[in-house]
N, C-alpha and C. Protein backbone atom coordinates (compact mmCIF):
# COMPACT_ATOMS: atom_id res chain seq x y z
N UNK A 1 146.70 115.77 76.91
CA UNK A 1 145.78 116.44 77.80
C UNK A 1 145.14 115.41 78.72
N UNK A 2 145.13 115.68 79.98
CA UNK A 2 144.60 114.77 80.98
C UNK A 2 143.09 114.93 81.11
N UNK A 3 142.38 113.79 81.15
CA UNK A 3 140.93 113.84 81.34
C UNK A 3 140.61 113.75 82.82
N UNK A 4 139.80 114.65 83.28
CA UNK A 4 139.41 114.66 84.68
C UNK A 4 138.00 114.10 84.81
N UNK A 5 137.75 113.53 85.97
CA UNK A 5 136.40 113.04 86.25
C UNK A 5 135.45 114.23 86.29
N UNK A 6 134.25 113.99 85.81
CA UNK A 6 133.23 115.02 85.82
C UNK A 6 132.80 115.27 87.27
N UNK A 7 132.75 116.52 87.67
CA UNK A 7 132.27 116.85 89.01
C UNK A 7 130.78 116.60 89.08
N UNK A 8 130.29 116.26 90.25
CA UNK A 8 128.87 115.99 90.44
C UNK A 8 127.98 117.15 90.03
N UNK A 9 128.48 118.37 90.24
CA UNK A 9 127.67 119.55 89.93
C UNK A 9 127.60 119.83 88.43
N UNK A 10 128.51 119.23 87.66
CA UNK A 10 128.48 119.44 86.21
C UNK A 10 127.24 118.81 85.62
N UNK A 11 126.76 119.39 84.54
CA UNK A 11 125.55 118.90 83.89
C UNK A 11 125.97 118.04 82.69
N UNK A 12 125.30 116.89 82.53
CA UNK A 12 125.60 116.02 81.40
C UNK A 12 125.33 116.75 80.10
N UNK A 13 126.06 116.36 79.07
CA UNK A 13 125.92 116.98 77.75
C UNK A 13 124.48 116.86 77.26
N UNK A 14 123.96 117.95 76.76
CA UNK A 14 122.60 117.96 76.22
C UNK A 14 121.51 118.26 77.25
N UNK A 15 121.88 118.36 78.51
CA UNK A 15 120.90 118.67 79.55
C UNK A 15 121.10 120.09 80.05
N UNK A 16 120.06 120.67 80.57
CA UNK A 16 120.12 122.03 81.14
C UNK A 16 119.74 121.97 82.60
N UNK A 17 120.41 122.78 83.38
CA UNK A 17 120.14 122.83 84.81
C UNK A 17 118.94 123.73 85.07
N UNK A 18 118.02 123.25 85.92
CA UNK A 18 116.81 123.99 86.25
C UNK A 18 116.65 123.98 87.77
N UNK A 19 116.24 125.10 88.32
CA UNK A 19 115.99 125.17 89.76
C UNK A 19 114.51 124.92 90.01
N UNK A 20 114.25 123.95 90.88
CA UNK A 20 112.87 123.59 91.23
C UNK A 20 112.78 123.55 92.74
N UNK A 21 111.67 124.03 93.29
CA UNK A 21 111.49 124.00 94.74
C UNK A 21 110.55 122.86 95.12
N UNK A 22 110.90 122.17 96.20
CA UNK A 22 110.10 121.08 96.74
C UNK A 22 109.93 121.28 98.23
N UNK A 23 108.85 120.73 98.75
CA UNK A 23 108.65 120.77 100.20
C UNK A 23 109.61 119.78 100.86
N UNK A 24 109.79 119.95 102.14
CA UNK A 24 110.65 119.04 102.90
C UNK A 24 110.13 117.61 102.79
N UNK A 25 108.81 117.46 102.86
CA UNK A 25 108.18 116.15 102.77
C UNK A 25 108.48 115.48 101.43
N UNK A 26 108.37 116.24 100.33
CA UNK A 26 108.63 115.69 99.00
C UNK A 26 110.09 115.25 98.87
N UNK A 27 111.01 116.06 99.38
CA UNK A 27 112.43 115.69 99.34
C UNK A 27 112.69 114.41 100.14
N UNK A 28 112.02 114.29 101.29
CA UNK A 28 112.17 113.08 102.09
C UNK A 28 111.63 111.86 101.34
N UNK A 29 110.49 112.02 100.65
CA UNK A 29 109.92 110.93 99.86
C UNK A 29 110.87 110.51 98.74
N UNK A 30 111.46 111.49 98.06
CA UNK A 30 112.42 111.18 96.99
C UNK A 30 113.66 110.48 97.55
N UNK A 31 114.13 110.93 98.70
CA UNK A 31 115.29 110.29 99.33
C UNK A 31 114.95 108.86 99.75
N UNK A 32 113.75 108.66 100.28
CA UNK A 32 113.32 107.31 100.67
C UNK A 32 113.25 106.39 99.46
N UNK A 33 112.75 106.90 98.34
CA UNK A 33 112.68 106.12 97.12
C UNK A 33 114.08 105.77 96.64
N UNK A 34 114.98 106.72 96.70
CA UNK A 34 116.37 106.50 96.32
C UNK A 34 117.01 105.42 97.19
N UNK A 35 116.77 105.49 98.49
CA UNK A 35 117.30 104.49 99.42
C UNK A 35 116.69 103.12 99.17
N UNK A 36 115.41 103.08 98.79
CA UNK A 36 114.75 101.81 98.50
C UNK A 36 115.42 101.12 97.31
N UNK A 37 115.82 101.91 96.30
CA UNK A 37 116.56 101.33 95.18
C UNK A 37 117.85 100.70 95.67
N UNK A 38 118.53 101.38 96.60
CA UNK A 38 119.79 100.84 97.12
C UNK A 38 119.55 99.54 97.88
N UNK A 39 118.51 99.50 98.69
CA UNK A 39 118.20 98.30 99.47
C UNK A 39 117.82 97.13 98.57
N UNK A 40 117.00 97.41 97.55
CA UNK A 40 116.48 96.34 96.71
C UNK A 40 117.42 95.97 95.57
N UNK A 41 118.19 96.93 95.06
CA UNK A 41 119.02 96.68 93.87
C UNK A 41 120.51 96.89 94.08
N UNK A 42 120.89 97.41 95.25
CA UNK A 42 122.30 97.61 95.53
C UNK A 42 122.88 98.90 94.98
N UNK A 43 122.05 99.74 94.39
CA UNK A 43 122.52 101.00 93.83
C UNK A 43 121.55 102.11 94.20
N UNK A 44 122.08 103.15 94.82
CA UNK A 44 121.24 104.28 95.21
C UNK A 44 121.06 105.19 94.00
N UNK A 45 119.86 105.20 93.46
CA UNK A 45 119.55 106.02 92.29
C UNK A 45 119.42 107.48 92.73
N UNK A 46 120.18 108.38 92.12
CA UNK A 46 120.12 109.79 92.53
C UNK A 46 118.72 110.38 92.33
N UNK A 47 118.37 111.31 93.20
CA UNK A 47 117.05 111.95 93.11
C UNK A 47 116.86 112.63 91.76
N UNK A 48 117.93 113.19 91.20
CA UNK A 48 117.80 113.85 89.90
C UNK A 48 117.36 112.87 88.81
N UNK A 49 117.86 111.64 88.87
CA UNK A 49 117.45 110.62 87.89
C UNK A 49 115.97 110.30 88.05
N UNK A 50 115.54 110.19 89.31
CA UNK A 50 114.14 109.86 89.60
C UNK A 50 113.22 110.97 89.07
N UNK A 51 113.58 112.21 89.38
CA UNK A 51 112.77 113.35 88.95
C UNK A 51 112.74 113.44 87.43
N UNK A 52 113.91 113.27 86.80
CA UNK A 52 113.97 113.35 85.34
C UNK A 52 113.10 112.28 84.69
N UNK A 53 113.12 111.06 85.22
CA UNK A 53 112.30 109.97 84.68
C UNK A 53 110.81 110.28 84.86
N UNK A 54 110.43 110.81 86.01
CA UNK A 54 109.03 111.14 86.25
C UNK A 54 108.55 112.23 85.30
N UNK A 55 109.37 113.24 85.09
CA UNK A 55 108.99 114.33 84.18
C UNK A 55 108.83 113.80 82.76
N UNK A 56 109.79 112.99 82.30
CA UNK A 56 109.70 112.44 80.94
C UNK A 56 108.42 111.63 80.76
N UNK A 57 108.08 110.81 81.74
CA UNK A 57 106.87 109.99 81.63
C UNK A 57 105.61 110.84 81.68
N UNK A 58 105.59 111.85 82.52
CA UNK A 58 104.42 112.73 82.60
C UNK A 58 104.23 113.51 81.31
N UNK A 59 105.32 113.90 80.68
CA UNK A 59 105.20 114.64 79.42
C UNK A 59 104.65 113.76 78.30
N UNK A 60 104.78 112.46 78.45
CA UNK A 60 104.25 111.54 77.44
C UNK A 60 102.78 111.18 77.64
N UNK A 61 102.19 111.64 78.74
CA UNK A 61 100.78 111.35 79.02
C UNK A 61 99.87 112.26 78.22
N UNK A 62 98.70 111.73 77.91
CA UNK A 62 97.67 112.57 77.28
C UNK A 62 96.87 113.19 78.42
N UNK A 63 97.07 114.47 78.62
CA UNK A 63 96.43 115.18 79.73
C UNK A 63 95.32 116.07 79.19
N UNK A 64 94.15 115.94 79.78
CA UNK A 64 93.03 116.80 79.43
C UNK A 64 93.30 118.17 80.05
N UNK A 65 93.70 119.12 79.23
CA UNK A 65 94.13 120.41 79.75
C UNK A 65 93.00 121.44 79.89
N UNK A 66 91.80 121.04 79.53
CA UNK A 66 90.68 121.98 79.69
C UNK A 66 90.44 122.28 81.17
N UNK A 67 90.20 123.50 81.46
CA UNK A 67 89.89 123.97 82.81
C UNK A 67 91.01 123.75 83.83
N UNK A 68 92.23 123.60 83.39
CA UNK A 68 93.36 123.51 84.33
C UNK A 68 93.82 124.93 84.61
N UNK A 69 93.61 125.36 85.85
CA UNK A 69 93.98 126.72 86.22
C UNK A 69 94.91 126.77 87.42
N UNK A 70 95.19 125.62 88.00
CA UNK A 70 96.06 125.61 89.18
C UNK A 70 96.85 124.31 89.22
N UNK A 71 97.81 124.28 90.13
CA UNK A 71 98.61 123.07 90.32
C UNK A 71 97.72 121.92 90.78
N UNK A 72 96.74 122.23 91.62
CA UNK A 72 95.82 121.21 92.11
C UNK A 72 95.02 120.60 90.94
N UNK A 73 94.53 121.44 90.04
CA UNK A 73 93.81 120.95 88.86
C UNK A 73 94.72 120.05 88.01
N UNK A 74 95.96 120.49 87.81
CA UNK A 74 96.90 119.72 87.00
C UNK A 74 97.20 118.36 87.64
N UNK A 75 97.35 118.35 88.96
CA UNK A 75 97.60 117.07 89.66
C UNK A 75 96.44 116.11 89.45
N UNK A 76 95.21 116.62 89.51
CA UNK A 76 94.04 115.78 89.28
C UNK A 76 94.08 115.19 87.87
N UNK A 77 94.41 116.01 86.88
CA UNK A 77 94.47 115.55 85.48
C UNK A 77 95.59 114.55 85.29
N UNK A 78 96.72 114.78 85.94
CA UNK A 78 97.83 113.82 85.85
C UNK A 78 97.44 112.47 86.45
N UNK A 79 96.81 112.50 87.62
CA UNK A 79 96.38 111.26 88.25
C UNK A 79 95.41 110.51 87.35
N UNK A 80 94.50 111.25 86.75
CA UNK A 80 93.53 110.63 85.86
C UNK A 80 94.21 110.00 84.65
N UNK A 81 95.18 110.70 84.08
CA UNK A 81 95.91 110.17 82.91
C UNK A 81 96.74 108.94 83.28
N UNK A 82 97.32 108.95 84.47
CA UNK A 82 98.13 107.81 84.92
C UNK A 82 97.23 106.59 85.16
N UNK A 83 96.08 106.81 85.76
CA UNK A 83 95.15 105.71 86.00
C UNK A 83 94.69 105.07 84.69
N UNK A 84 94.61 105.87 83.64
CA UNK A 84 94.17 105.39 82.34
C UNK A 84 95.20 104.53 81.63
N UNK A 85 96.45 104.56 82.10
CA UNK A 85 97.52 103.77 81.50
C UNK A 85 97.68 102.46 82.23
N UNK A 86 98.00 101.42 81.50
CA UNK A 86 98.30 100.12 82.12
C UNK A 86 99.79 100.03 82.32
N UNK A 87 100.20 99.68 83.54
CA UNK A 87 101.61 99.55 83.86
C UNK A 87 102.01 98.08 83.83
N UNK A 88 103.18 97.82 83.30
CA UNK A 88 103.67 96.44 83.21
C UNK A 88 104.22 95.98 84.55
């Protein structure tokens, strides 16, 4: 049996595909970050990798969830939790 290369649209084993909406500005920022990796390291990191890494790190934060009723409230709590962490 011949092994074929995985198509880009295929999902890696153990992962699930999720549809998320972003503004044009956010997509441009993610693309710029991806391009910056290529310029600085020689490899363009896919936006999906960047988003997945950000989500994993945010899920590991201790977020004060009291009185979070909107996306704006959650963003404030995330920023506060990130500021409380020391980055290497």
